[in-house]
Every structure is written in C-alpha cells, then in structure tokens.
Amino acid sequence: MRFTCVLLRQHIGFHFKKHWIIQGKRIPVETGAQAELEARGIPVVDANEFVLEPRKNVQYDVLGQLPPEVKWDQNHPLYKQEPCYLYGDKNVLLEGVRQAQVLLNTVVYDELPLKIEERLEKMKIPAQLDRSMQQSVLAALVFDTEQVKTAVVKVPERPAFKLPRNYGISNERRNRLLLSKLLTHCERFAGKAVSSTKKIVTNTRFTVPVTKDLDRIQFTLKADSFLISSEPIKPLDNSLYRPQDLTIPDLFPLKETVTIPTTNFYEWNNEYPIKRDYRFSHPQTILLHCAPEDVSNVFETPITDDQQDGRAMIKAFTVAAARARQLYGDNVKALPQPINVQAVQTDSQWFHFSIFQLNTLDLTGSATEHRNLWFRKPRMNLYSECGYLVGKPTLQDYNKDVLKHMAVFYDSV
C-alpha cells in the first residue's frame, strides 16, 4: 500500500487543477463586439501586429580563458608568513573583561567618572520629553511594520530541539530604531547649539594592528552608529584616577589571546574612517548592537554578560587606537594627549554605558602609570516588558535613567 496525501472532498489543490482543465476546454463565444465596432466605422486591428518579436539568444564565443581562481595558499597577495590573531565582530573573549584587561593593558573602574556622575545627579528630563520617549519606544519595538523571521530561539535543556520561527521585527532593526530615537531626543534636549557640533555615521569600520610579546594581533571591528564631534572629550585627571594603584588580573595558565582565531591572510594597516582634516573628526560615542545572533562563542556555549562587556571594551579601544595612530603615527606608544571614547551597548532592552581612556599603545604593561582606563556602570533595563498584552500595546517599568545617561554622553565635553 502506498501512502499518499489525504485528499478531502473540497481539497483546494485538487479543485484548482480540475478547474483549469475544464476551463481549458471551453470554446470562445462570439460576443458580437467586432461586428458592432465595424458597423460604427471603428477599425479592429489584430494586437499581434504590434507585439515585438521575441529576441533570439545569440551565443558569443569567449576569446581566451577566464582568469584563474585565486587560491588561498602561499601565492595569495594577502598571505603573510607570520600568523596573526584576528579579532572580529563575531568574536568574544573566553574570560570576558579579565582577559580584555590583560590584552589591552587596562584597569577597570566599576563606576563612571566623577564629573559624569555629578551631571547625572543634576540633570532633569522634562516630562513632555519623557512621554515622547516612551511613545518612541513603542513605535520602534511594537508598531514598526517589518515582518521577517526572527532569530532562532534555543532551549538550553534541549539543544537539538527547533522551536517554530516567529515573524516580527528583527533584532538588528529594533536596535537601530531605538538608538535613533534616543539620539533624536538627546538632540532635542541638548538644543541646536550642541547638536550642530555633532555628526552621526553608521556602519563604520576600524582596523588596528598591534604587537604584544612578539604576537601579531589585529582588531577589525565595526561601530553600528558612530557619533563624531568637532571637539574631543577632555581627558580625566591623572591625579584623581591613578592606574598604577590598581592591579591587572593574572590569567595563568591561560594566554591573553586564547580563543582568538589566527590567520595568515590579512592586511597589516591602520584604518580610521574619518579624514584627519575634517571638522567633525574627533570620536565621541560608539553605539553597539549586541543581539544573541551578533556574537558567537568558539565552544558554542551561551554568551555571558561579562563576555559582552569585554566586547564593548575592545571596540572602544579599537576606535581610540585607530584615532591615535592617525594623529601621532603608527609607532606611537605613550600618547601626548589621551583619547576618550564612550560606548553604549544594547540589545534593545538592557543598556550598558562605559568610557574608555586610551593613554598608551604599549600593551606589555612596562609603565604602570600609562595604563589605559575603562569606566563602566552596571547594566540597566529600559523596560521589563514591551509588546502586546491582552491585545493592548504595553510598556511596563519604563526606566527614564537610560535617556538621562544617553543625554549626558551626548553632551560630554
């Protein structure tokens, strides 16, 4: 017995198939329209006389041979004999922030600088702007009309089980819309005098090659949104923040480059996307998307919060280092003037604010007083629930501190 599909009496596919067969056997009925037109003196012309003849496919003989396929071997133009550790957008560090500290010769402060905290305490967001931001959150995360297959959701207890794919707004679009709304409200709050000194660039690429302990390491990373300014952020007071008083973690027996993939095909050059003589060339803030599908672990284990924070630190360092190489040359070590870059990382629900100050590109840690500084604040949720509840668009537990932090970062000098 052969198993076939169960056909119901009114099966739609069967019905359409039979309907086309029956309609194909019908004989055209003379309607009398042509005789009526001729009686009124209106000429009737066959439409086929005006239809263009189908083009003939002409075969052309290719002279010579196609260029040979470039092979990824020692003859490839990007091949280097010395391998390089290549850190990209999809990578995360195994030990997260601890490993990033050792890799970048950086000390960590679990708070924002004092001048930022003072401004946060004094700042008050107008009620009208706060209500507008809440509506913008709903517009970005609920009311947007994009309908695509959302990211794959996995159950840790059942890794091989595939859940049904839902349709909705993609994580990349949710993050982009939400960050755009936040920047728009920051511009409204700061005023034209401040917003006229800022520019926003999207999908910018930064490349920084460094050498540490005879190992070649190259950071090739992207900033989803890049806020540039006509004036750089003023560096912090070294007498108040003394990096030599803090210690850098010990990863022994691990090496700081563990889980970073290596390759022999790379370009050893520095890349900063803004020209040096451009008025708005100073880096201020990078806005980063960090959805679950944006990053992956080498061991295919779930990404931890600490690994995501380490990713934000490395991206901020890459932006600052690329700018430092552009200003002071490829061989600079201790910077004549520190460079500050602010970083905001989000998955459209939680937000992580941090500030990186680049003091040196000497990553060996030979001079403790020239270590780099990274300030971070614990994550904060913009909301607890945003979506349709009982058929009604709902935004629960909205946190206005996110807009307040964003406004302070936008107006930093």
Protein backbone atom coordinates (compact mmCIF):
# COMPACT_ATOMS: atom_id res chain seq x y z
CA MET A 1 0.00 0.00 0.00
CA ARG A 2 1.41 3.39 -0.99
CA PHE A 3 0.92 6.25 1.44
CA THR A 4 -0.32 9.45 -0.19
CA CYS A 5 -1.66 12.78 0.99
CA VAL A 6 -5.14 12.72 2.43
CA LEU A 7 -7.42 14.46 -0.10
CA LEU A 8 -10.64 15.90 1.22
CA ARG A 9 -13.67 16.30 -0.96
CA GLN A 10 -13.09 20.04 -1.37
CA HIS A 11 -9.29 19.90 -1.43
CA ILE A 12 -8.15 23.28 -2.75
CA GLY A 13 -5.28 21.96 -4.87
CA PHE A 14 -7.41 19.26 -6.46
CA HIS A 15 -10.17 21.79 -7.10
CA PHE A 16 -7.92 24.28 -8.90
CA LYS A 17 -6.31 21.57 -11.02
CA LYS A 18 -9.66 20.27 -12.27
CA HIS A 19 -10.96 23.81 -12.74
CA TRP A 20 -8.10 24.71 -15.09
CA ILE A 21 -8.64 21.52 -17.10
CA ILE A 22 -12.32 22.32 -17.57
CA GLN A 23 -11.73 25.97 -18.42
CA GLY A 24 -9.07 24.97 -20.96
CA LYS A 25 -11.68 23.05 -22.98
CA ARG A 26 -14.11 25.95 -23.31
CA ILE A 27 -14.85 27.30 -26.78
CA PRO A 28 -14.73 31.10 -27.09
CA VAL A 29 -18.21 32.55 -27.56
CA GLU A 30 -18.82 35.18 -30.20
CA THR A 31 -19.94 38.31 -28.37
CA GLY A 32 -20.75 40.44 -31.43
CA ALA A 33 -18.40 43.20 -30.32
CA GLN A 34 -16.35 43.15 -33.52
CA ALA A 35 -19.45 43.43 -35.75
CA GLU A 36 -20.75 46.30 -33.66
CA LEU A 37 -17.44 48.19 -33.96
CA GLU A 38 -17.26 47.67 -37.71
CA ALA A 39 -20.85 48.91 -38.07
CA ARG A 40 -19.82 52.15 -36.36
CA GLY A 41 -16.74 52.56 -38.56
CA ILE A 42 -14.19 51.75 -35.91
CA PRO A 43 -11.36 49.63 -37.32
CA VAL A 44 -10.40 46.47 -35.48
CA VAL A 45 -6.71 45.57 -35.60
CA ASP A 46 -5.06 42.35 -34.51
CA ALA A 47 -2.93 43.01 -31.45
CA ASN A 48 -0.29 40.54 -32.59
CA GLU A 49 0.79 43.03 -35.26
CA PHE A 50 2.11 45.35 -32.54
CA VAL A 51 3.75 42.75 -30.35
CA LEU A 52 7.53 42.70 -30.63
CA GLU A 53 9.06 39.51 -31.84
CA PRO A 54 10.95 37.61 -29.13
CA ARG A 55 14.64 38.26 -29.10
CA LYS A 56 16.87 35.47 -30.28
CA ASN A 57 19.55 34.26 -27.93
CA VAL A 58 22.89 34.86 -29.58
CA GLN A 59 25.84 32.79 -28.45
CA TYR A 60 29.14 34.63 -28.30
CA ASP A 61 32.45 32.84 -28.35
CA VAL A 62 34.67 33.92 -25.43
CA LEU A 63 38.15 34.72 -26.63
CA GLY A 64 40.83 33.42 -24.34
CA GLN A 65 40.29 31.94 -20.89
CA LEU A 66 38.67 33.19 -17.73
CA PRO A 67 41.06 34.42 -15.05
CA PRO A 68 42.13 31.58 -12.79
CA GLU A 69 40.54 31.26 -9.39
CA VAL A 70 42.65 32.77 -6.64
CA LYS A 71 43.74 30.05 -4.27
CA TRP A 72 44.26 30.64 -0.57
CA ASP A 73 47.84 29.48 -0.48
CA GLN A 74 51.30 30.99 -0.21
CA ASN A 75 50.86 32.75 -3.57
CA HIS A 76 47.84 34.75 -2.38
CA PRO A 77 48.51 38.53 -2.27
CA LEU A 78 47.37 38.76 1.38
CA TYR A 79 49.45 35.84 2.57
CA LYS A 80 51.92 36.55 5.39
CA GLN A 81 54.35 34.02 6.74
CA GLU A 82 53.83 35.17 10.32
CA PRO A 83 50.33 34.33 11.59
CA CYS A 84 48.10 36.98 13.12
CA TYR A 85 45.39 36.84 15.79
CA LEU A 86 42.33 38.37 14.12
CA TYR A 87 39.57 39.70 16.41
CA GLY A 88 36.34 40.47 14.53
CA ASP A 89 32.73 41.44 15.22
CA LYS A 90 31.60 37.87 15.88
CA ASN A 91 34.31 37.07 18.43
CA VAL A 92 34.15 37.26 22.20
CA LEU A 93 36.87 36.57 24.74
CA LEU A 94 36.69 33.44 26.86
CA GLU A 95 37.35 35.27 30.17
CA GLY A 96 35.48 38.41 29.21
CA VAL A 97 36.58 41.63 30.91
CA ARG A 98 39.51 39.98 32.77
CA GLN A 99 41.05 38.78 29.53
CA ALA A 100 40.42 42.15 27.85
CA GLN A 101 42.25 43.89 30.70
CA VAL A 102 45.36 41.79 30.18
CA LEU A 103 45.14 42.06 26.41
CA LEU A 104 44.76 45.86 26.37
CA ASN A 105 46.79 46.76 29.49
CA THR A 106 43.73 48.37 31.07
CA VAL A 107 42.43 48.87 34.59
CA VAL A 108 38.68 48.85 35.28
CA TYR A 109 36.60 51.18 37.46
CA ASP A 110 33.10 49.92 38.29
CA GLU A 111 31.66 53.42 38.13
CA LEU A 112 31.57 56.33 35.74
CA PRO A 113 33.94 59.29 36.22
CA LEU A 114 33.03 61.72 38.97
CA LYS A 115 32.19 64.58 36.61
CA ILE A 116 29.71 62.35 34.76
CA GLU A 117 28.05 61.21 37.99
CA GLU A 118 27.66 64.82 39.15
CA ARG A 119 25.97 65.79 35.91
CA LEU A 120 23.63 62.80 36.17
CA GLU A 121 22.51 63.88 39.64
CA LYS A 122 21.77 67.43 38.48
CA MET A 123 20.05 66.52 35.21
CA LYS A 124 16.26 66.50 34.98
CA ILE A 125 14.42 65.30 31.90
CA PRO A 126 11.26 67.31 31.07
CA ALA A 127 8.02 65.36 31.47
CA GLN A 128 6.99 66.08 27.89
CA LEU A 129 10.26 64.69 26.53
CA ASP A 130 9.95 61.67 28.80
CA ARG A 131 6.45 60.87 27.50
CA SER A 132 7.64 61.33 23.93
CA MET A 133 10.46 58.83 24.55
CA GLN A 134 8.01 56.25 25.86
CA GLN A 135 5.93 56.57 22.70
CA SER A 136 9.09 56.27 20.62
CA VAL A 137 9.99 53.01 22.38
CA LEU A 138 6.59 51.58 21.46
CA ALA A 139 6.94 52.87 17.90
CA ALA A 140 10.33 51.19 17.49
CA LEU A 141 9.64 47.88 19.21
CA VAL A 142 5.91 47.29 18.68
CA PHE A 143 4.39 49.46 15.95
CA ASP A 144 7.06 49.01 13.28
CA THR A 145 5.67 47.21 10.23
CA GLU A 146 8.63 44.96 9.43
CA GLN A 147 7.67 41.29 9.40
CA VAL A 148 10.59 38.91 8.95
CA LYS A 149 11.64 35.64 10.50
CA THR A 150 13.07 36.46 13.90
CA ALA A 151 16.21 34.92 15.36
CA VAL A 152 16.33 31.26 16.29
CA VAL A 153 15.45 30.67 19.93
CA LYS A 154 17.12 27.71 21.59
CA VAL A 155 16.25 25.84 24.75
CA PRO A 156 19.42 25.07 26.76
CA GLU A 157 17.88 21.88 28.16
CA ARG A 158 17.04 20.67 24.64
CA PRO A 159 19.79 21.92 22.31
CA ALA A 160 18.68 19.79 19.35
CA PHE A 161 15.02 20.88 19.52
CA LYS A 162 13.97 23.51 16.98
CA LEU A 163 11.29 25.92 18.10
CA PRO A 164 8.89 27.32 15.48
CA ARG A 165 10.19 30.53 13.88
CA ASN A 166 8.11 33.61 14.59
CA TYR A 167 7.58 36.64 12.38
CA GLY A 168 8.19 40.11 13.69
CA ILE A 169 10.73 42.92 13.90
CA SER A 170 14.34 41.74 13.58
CA ASN A 171 16.74 42.45 16.44
CA GLU A 172 19.01 44.50 14.19
CA ARG A 173 16.15 46.80 13.18
CA ARG A 174 14.85 47.07 16.75
CA ASN A 175 18.25 48.20 17.99
CA ARG A 176 18.77 50.62 15.12
CA LEU A 177 15.36 52.25 15.52
CA LEU A 178 15.65 52.51 19.29
CA LEU A 179 19.11 54.08 19.23
CA SER A 180 17.95 56.50 16.54
CA LYS A 181 15.02 57.56 18.74
CA LEU A 182 17.34 58.05 21.71
CA LEU A 183 19.71 60.25 19.71
CA THR A 184 16.79 62.29 18.39
CA HIS A 185 15.56 63.01 21.91
CA CYS A 186 19.10 63.85 23.05
CA GLU A 187 19.31 66.41 20.25
CA ARG A 188 16.02 67.93 21.34
CA PHE A 189 17.17 68.08 24.94
CA ALA A 190 20.64 69.50 24.23
CA GLY A 191 19.49 72.12 21.75
CA LYS A 192 20.81 73.33 18.43
CA ALA A 193 24.00 74.81 19.91
CA VAL A 194 25.20 71.34 20.93
CA SER A 195 23.71 69.25 18.11
CA SER A 196 25.37 71.46 15.50
CA THR A 197 28.77 70.24 16.76
CA LYS A 198 27.90 66.55 16.30
CA LYS A 199 27.52 64.20 13.35
CA ILE A 200 26.31 60.60 13.19
CA VAL A 201 27.90 58.00 10.90
CA THR A 202 26.55 54.46 10.57
CA ASN A 203 28.33 51.14 9.94
CA THR A 204 31.87 52.46 10.26
CA ARG A 205 34.85 50.11 10.11
CA PHE A 206 38.01 50.39 12.23
CA THR A 207 41.22 48.40 11.89
CA VAL A 208 44.11 48.49 14.37
CA PRO A 209 47.16 46.17 14.25
CA VAL A 210 49.22 45.81 17.43
CA THR A 211 52.15 43.69 18.55
CA LYS A 212 52.36 42.19 22.02
CA ASP A 213 55.02 39.77 23.21
CA LEU A 214 56.06 39.03 19.60
CA ASP A 215 52.45 38.15 18.71
CA ARG A 216 50.63 39.98 15.96
CA ILE A 217 47.07 40.98 16.87
CA GLN A 218 44.67 42.83 14.61
CA PHE A 219 41.30 44.27 15.63
CA THR A 220 38.89 44.68 12.70
CA LEU A 221 35.62 45.89 14.17
CA LYS A 222 32.50 47.83 13.23
CA ALA A 223 30.57 50.53 15.09
CA ASP A 224 26.87 50.34 14.25
CA SER A 225 26.50 54.08 14.92
CA PHE A 226 29.41 56.45 15.41
CA LEU A 227 28.93 59.88 16.98
CA ILE A 228 31.70 62.28 15.98
CA SER A 229 32.28 65.79 17.30
CA SER A 230 34.10 68.98 16.42
CA GLU A 231 35.85 68.91 19.81
CA PRO A 232 37.47 65.94 21.58
CA ILE A 233 36.40 64.81 25.04
CA LYS A 234 38.69 66.23 27.69
CA PRO A 235 40.88 63.59 29.37
CA LEU A 236 40.45 62.72 33.03
CA ASP A 237 42.67 63.99 35.82
CA ASN A 238 45.54 61.54 36.40
CA SER A 239 45.91 62.68 39.99
CA LEU A 240 42.34 61.54 40.71
CA TYR A 241 42.49 58.28 38.76
CA ARG A 242 45.82 56.55 39.28
CA PRO A 243 46.06 53.34 37.23
CA GLN A 244 49.25 52.31 38.98
CA ASP A 245 47.26 51.81 42.19
CA LEU A 246 45.13 49.06 40.62
CA THR A 247 46.22 45.60 39.55
CA ILE A 248 45.59 43.72 36.32
CA PRO A 249 44.25 40.15 36.70
CA ASP A 250 46.50 37.15 36.25
CA LEU A 251 45.22 34.66 33.66
CA PHE A 252 47.86 31.99 34.24
CA PRO A 253 47.95 29.34 32.82
CA LEU A 254 45.87 30.91 30.04
CA LYS A 255 47.27 33.34 27.50
CA GLU A 256 45.51 36.62 26.75
CA THR A 257 44.99 35.58 23.11
CA VAL A 258 43.17 32.35 23.92
CA THR A 259 40.07 31.70 21.73
CA ILE A 260 41.08 34.44 19.25
CA PRO A 261 41.36 32.79 15.81
CA THR A 262 44.59 33.04 13.81
CA THR A 263 45.11 33.54 10.08
CA ASN A 264 47.92 34.05 7.58
CA PHE A 265 45.80 36.18 5.22
CA TYR A 266 45.48 39.78 6.42
CA GLU A 267 46.44 43.37 5.68
CA TRP A 268 48.72 44.98 8.27
CA ASN A 269 47.43 48.57 8.20
CA ASN A 270 45.57 51.09 10.34
CA GLU A 271 42.13 52.34 9.31
CA TYR A 272 40.15 55.24 10.77
CA PRO A 273 37.08 56.08 8.63
CA ILE A 274 37.11 59.88 9.10
CA LYS A 275 39.69 62.12 7.44
CA ARG A 276 42.05 63.91 9.78
CA ASP A 277 41.40 67.40 8.37
CA TYR A 278 37.61 67.03 8.59
CA ARG A 279 36.00 69.36 11.11
CA PHE A 280 34.00 66.58 12.81
CA SER A 281 36.80 64.04 13.06
CA HIS A 282 37.01 63.55 16.85
CA PRO A 283 35.45 60.33 18.19
CA GLN A 284 32.90 60.75 20.95
CA THR A 285 30.48 57.83 21.31
CA ILE A 286 30.02 54.45 19.63
CA LEU A 287 26.63 52.75 19.72
CA LEU A 288 26.79 48.96 19.56
CA HIS A 289 24.18 46.29 18.88
CA CYS A 290 24.56 43.10 20.87
CA ALA A 291 21.76 40.73 19.94
CA PRO A 292 22.29 37.00 20.58
CA GLU A 293 22.90 36.32 16.89
CA ASP A 294 25.52 39.09 16.62
CA VAL A 295 28.21 37.18 18.53
CA SER A 296 29.21 33.56 18.97
CA ASN A 297 31.47 31.60 21.28
CA VAL A 298 34.17 29.30 19.96
CA PHE A 299 32.83 26.46 22.07
CA GLU A 300 29.19 27.15 21.04
CA THR A 301 28.28 27.90 24.65
CA PRO A 302 25.86 30.70 25.60
CA ILE A 303 27.38 34.19 25.64
CA THR A 304 27.74 35.60 29.15
CA ASP A 305 27.23 39.21 30.23
CA ASP A 306 30.91 39.50 31.11
CA GLN A 307 31.91 38.45 27.59
CA GLN A 308 29.58 41.05 26.10
CA ASP A 309 31.10 43.75 28.33
CA GLY A 310 34.58 42.73 27.21
CA ARG A 311 33.43 43.11 23.62
CA ALA A 312 32.39 46.72 24.30
CA MET A 313 35.78 47.46 25.89
CA ILE A 314 37.69 46.12 22.90
CA LYS A 315 35.55 48.08 20.44
CA ALA A 316 36.09 51.32 22.35
CA PHE A 317 39.84 50.64 22.45
CA THR A 318 39.89 49.98 18.70
CA VAL A 319 38.22 53.31 17.91
CA ALA A 320 40.56 55.24 20.21
CA ALA A 321 43.67 53.42 18.96
CA ALA A 322 42.77 53.99 15.30
CA ARG A 323 42.39 57.71 16.01
CA ALA A 324 45.68 57.79 17.93
CA ARG A 325 47.55 56.16 15.05
CA GLN A 326 46.02 58.69 12.66
CA LEU A 327 47.13 61.64 14.82
CA TYR A 328 50.51 60.51 16.16
CA GLY A 329 51.75 57.91 13.70
CA ASP A 330 51.98 54.12 13.63
CA ASN A 331 54.87 53.91 16.11
CA VAL A 332 53.35 55.92 18.95
CA LYS A 333 53.40 54.33 22.41
CA ALA A 334 52.60 56.79 25.23
CA LEU A 335 50.11 59.29 23.81
CA PRO A 336 50.91 63.03 24.14
CA GLN A 337 47.19 63.59 24.81
CA PRO A 338 44.85 60.79 25.98
CA ILE A 339 41.87 59.95 23.79
CA ASN A 340 38.45 59.23 25.32
CA VAL A 341 35.73 57.19 23.65
CA GLN A 342 32.30 56.49 25.13
CA ALA A 343 30.49 53.22 24.38
CA VAL A 344 26.80 52.36 24.63
CA GLN A 345 25.90 48.69 24.07
CA THR A 346 22.35 47.37 23.97
CA ASP A 347 20.10 44.53 22.88
CA SER A 348 17.07 46.92 22.80
CA GLN A 349 16.13 46.08 26.42
CA TRP A 350 19.27 46.41 28.56
CA PHE A 351 21.80 49.22 28.16
CA HIS A 352 25.45 49.25 29.18
CA PHE A 353 27.31 52.58 29.44
CA SER A 354 31.12 52.76 29.58
CA ILE A 355 34.01 55.14 28.88
CA PHE A 356 37.47 54.15 27.65
CA GLN A 357 40.51 56.42 28.02
CA LEU A 358 43.49 55.46 25.87
CA ASN A 359 46.76 56.53 27.50
CA THR A 360 49.20 54.23 25.74
CA LEU A 361 49.53 51.70 22.95
CA ASP A 362 52.28 49.87 24.82
CA LEU A 363 50.28 46.77 25.74
CA THR A 364 53.12 44.98 27.50
CA GLY A 365 52.48 46.93 30.71
CA SER A 366 56.07 48.09 31.17
CA ALA A 367 54.96 51.50 32.50
CA THR A 368 52.14 51.13 35.04
CA GLU A 369 51.44 54.87 35.21
CA HIS A 370 50.48 54.86 31.50
CA ARG A 371 47.91 52.10 31.67
CA ASN A 372 44.58 52.59 29.94
CA LEU A 373 41.38 53.27 31.89
CA TRP A 374 37.90 51.81 31.44
CA PHE A 375 34.90 53.05 33.39
CA ARG A 376 31.66 51.10 33.34
CA LYS A 377 28.31 51.14 35.02
CA PRO A 378 26.08 48.14 35.78
CA ARG A 379 23.53 47.33 33.15
CA MET A 380 20.16 48.98 33.36
CA ASN A 381 16.91 47.86 31.74
CA LEU A 382 14.91 50.32 29.69
CA TYR A 383 11.75 48.34 30.39
CA SER A 384 10.64 44.99 31.77
CA GLU A 385 8.00 44.18 29.16
CA CYS A 386 7.24 45.81 25.82
CA GLY A 387 4.67 44.31 23.48
CA TYR A 388 1.04 43.37 23.17
CA LEU A 389 -0.57 42.23 26.41
CA VAL A 390 -4.19 41.12 26.10
CA GLY A 391 -4.26 42.78 22.69
CA LYS A 392 -3.08 46.15 24.00
CA PRO A 393 0.36 47.71 23.37
CA THR A 394 2.05 47.91 26.75
CA LEU A 395 5.33 49.34 28.07
CA GLN A 396 5.99 48.22 31.63
CA ASP A 397 8.52 49.60 34.14
CA TYR A 398 9.96 52.23 31.82
CA ASN A 399 13.32 53.48 33.15
CA LYS A 400 13.99 57.14 32.37
CA ASP A 401 17.59 56.86 33.63
CA VAL A 402 18.58 55.40 30.24
CA LEU A 403 17.62 58.62 28.46
CA LYS A 404 19.35 60.62 31.18
CA HIS A 405 22.64 58.72 30.73
CA MET A 406 22.34 58.99 26.96
CA ALA A 407 21.83 62.74 27.16
CA VAL A 408 24.91 63.16 29.38
CA PHE A 409 27.00 61.09 26.97
CA TYR A 410 25.71 63.12 24.03
CA ASP A 411 26.67 66.42 25.68
CA SER A 412 30.05 65.27 27.00
CA VAL A 413 32.95 67.67 26.54
